[in-house]
Amino acid sequence: MEDAIAAAEDAGLELRDVEALRPNYSRTLRHWVANLEVNAEGARALVGERTYRIWQLYMAGSAVAFETGHIAVDQILLADPDRPWEHGRKRLLAVDD
């Protein structure tokens, strides 16, 4: 990630926010696997047993890899430094009195 941020900054962009999405991806994949299994008959009819199993195993394995930290995904928000800060987590910061 450091290389991507450095390249973006070299291109004149400013880092506005970084968010680790790893826990969200794990939960999402677990929901997808559950939905696939609930709809197994229709999925198998559509793509066949082999493709169904590949996707089932891929998503279940990916969920475990995200849960254990073996893979991760981060969202990086970059912007033109001359644009005002209008989005992101600024709304979550405490207001100084």
Protein backbone atom coordinates (compact mmCIF):
# COMPACT_ATOMS: atom_id res chain seq x y z
CA MET A 1 0.00 0.00 0.00
CA GLU A 2 2.88 2.35 0.74
CA ASP A 3 4.04 2.14 -2.88
CA ALA A 4 0.56 3.00 -4.17
CA ILE A 5 0.29 6.00 -1.84
CA ALA A 6 3.77 7.21 -2.77
CA ALA A 7 2.97 6.92 -6.49
CA ALA A 8 -0.29 8.82 -6.00
CA GLU A 9 1.46 11.57 -4.06
CA ASP A 10 4.17 11.75 -6.75
CA ALA A 11 1.34 12.30 -9.25
CA GLY A 12 0.12 15.28 -7.23
CA LEU A 13 -2.70 13.63 -5.32
CA GLU A 14 -3.28 13.93 -1.60
CA LEU A 15 -4.13 11.06 0.72
CA ARG A 16 -7.47 11.84 2.34
CA ASP A 17 -8.41 8.55 4.00
CA VAL A 18 -7.43 4.89 4.34
CA GLU A 19 -9.79 2.21 5.60
CA ALA A 20 -9.04 -1.46 6.19
CA LEU A 21 -11.95 -3.49 4.80
CA ARG A 22 -10.64 -6.94 5.75
CA PRO A 23 -13.26 -7.69 8.45
CA ASN A 24 -16.07 -6.54 6.16
CA TYR A 25 -14.86 -8.78 3.32
CA SER A 26 -14.83 -11.81 5.59
CA ARG A 27 -18.42 -11.23 6.71
CA THR A 28 -19.57 -10.49 3.16
CA LEU A 29 -18.01 -13.69 1.83
CA ARG A 30 -19.63 -15.76 4.58
CA HIS A 31 -23.02 -14.30 3.59
CA TRP A 32 -22.34 -15.04 -0.09
CA VAL A 33 -21.44 -18.66 0.71
CA ALA A 34 -24.60 -19.05 2.80
CA ASN A 35 -26.72 -17.56 0.00
CA LEU A 36 -25.05 -19.81 -2.56
CA GLU A 37 -25.76 -22.87 -0.43
CA VAL A 38 -29.40 -21.87 0.11
CA ASN A 39 -29.73 -21.54 -3.66
CA ALA A 40 -27.54 -24.54 -4.49
CA GLU A 41 -30.07 -26.29 -6.70
CA GLY A 42 -30.59 -23.26 -8.93
CA ALA A 43 -26.88 -22.43 -8.99
CA ARG A 44 -25.95 -25.99 -9.99
CA ALA A 45 -28.62 -25.95 -12.72
CA LEU A 46 -27.22 -22.67 -14.03
CA VAL A 47 -23.47 -23.37 -13.97
CA GLY A 48 -23.01 -27.07 -13.19
CA GLU A 49 -21.58 -28.91 -10.20
CA ARG A 50 -17.92 -28.19 -10.94
CA THR A 51 -18.30 -24.39 -11.17
CA TYR A 52 -20.65 -24.37 -8.17
CA ARG A 53 -18.05 -26.17 -6.04
CA ILE A 54 -15.19 -23.98 -7.28
CA TRP A 55 -17.05 -20.82 -6.24
CA GLN A 56 -18.20 -22.32 -2.95
CA LEU A 57 -14.64 -23.32 -2.01
CA TYR A 58 -13.10 -20.11 -3.33
CA MET A 59 -15.43 -17.89 -1.32
CA ALA A 60 -15.22 -20.01 1.86
CA GLY A 61 -11.43 -20.13 1.61
CA SER A 62 -11.24 -16.40 0.99
CA ALA A 63 -13.41 -15.74 4.05
CA VAL A 64 -11.00 -17.74 6.20
CA ALA A 65 -7.98 -15.99 4.66
CA PHE A 66 -9.49 -12.56 5.43
CA GLU A 67 -10.41 -13.66 8.98
CA THR A 68 -6.90 -14.89 9.72
CA GLY A 69 -5.17 -11.90 8.13
CA HIS A 70 -3.54 -13.87 5.32
CA ILE A 71 -5.10 -11.51 2.79
CA ALA A 72 -6.44 -8.00 3.16
CA VAL A 73 -7.96 -5.18 1.22
CA ASP A 74 -7.76 -1.46 1.91
CA GLN A 75 -9.69 1.43 0.47
CA ILE A 76 -7.58 4.48 -0.27
CA LEU A 77 -9.22 7.86 -0.86
CA LEU A 78 -7.07 10.21 -2.91
CA ALA A 79 -7.96 13.70 -4.11
CA ASP A 80 -6.69 16.85 -5.71
CA PRO A 81 -5.16 18.82 -2.81
CA ASP A 82 -6.91 22.00 -4.01
CA ARG A 83 -10.37 20.49 -3.55
CA PRO A 84 -12.06 21.15 -0.19
CA TRP A 85 -12.51 18.31 2.28
CA GLU A 86 -16.20 17.46 2.00
CA HIS A 87 -16.35 13.72 2.58
CA GLY A 88 -14.70 10.99 4.57
CA ARG A 89 -14.61 10.57 8.33
CA LYS A 90 -14.34 14.23 9.29
CA ARG A 91 -17.93 13.99 10.56
CA LEU A 92 -16.78 11.41 13.11
CA LEU A 93 -14.14 13.62 14.71
CA ALA A 94 -14.82 15.35 18.03
CA VAL A 95 -15.62 19.03 17.77
CA ASP A 96 -13.25 21.28 19.71
CA ASP A 97 -15.07 23.66 22.06
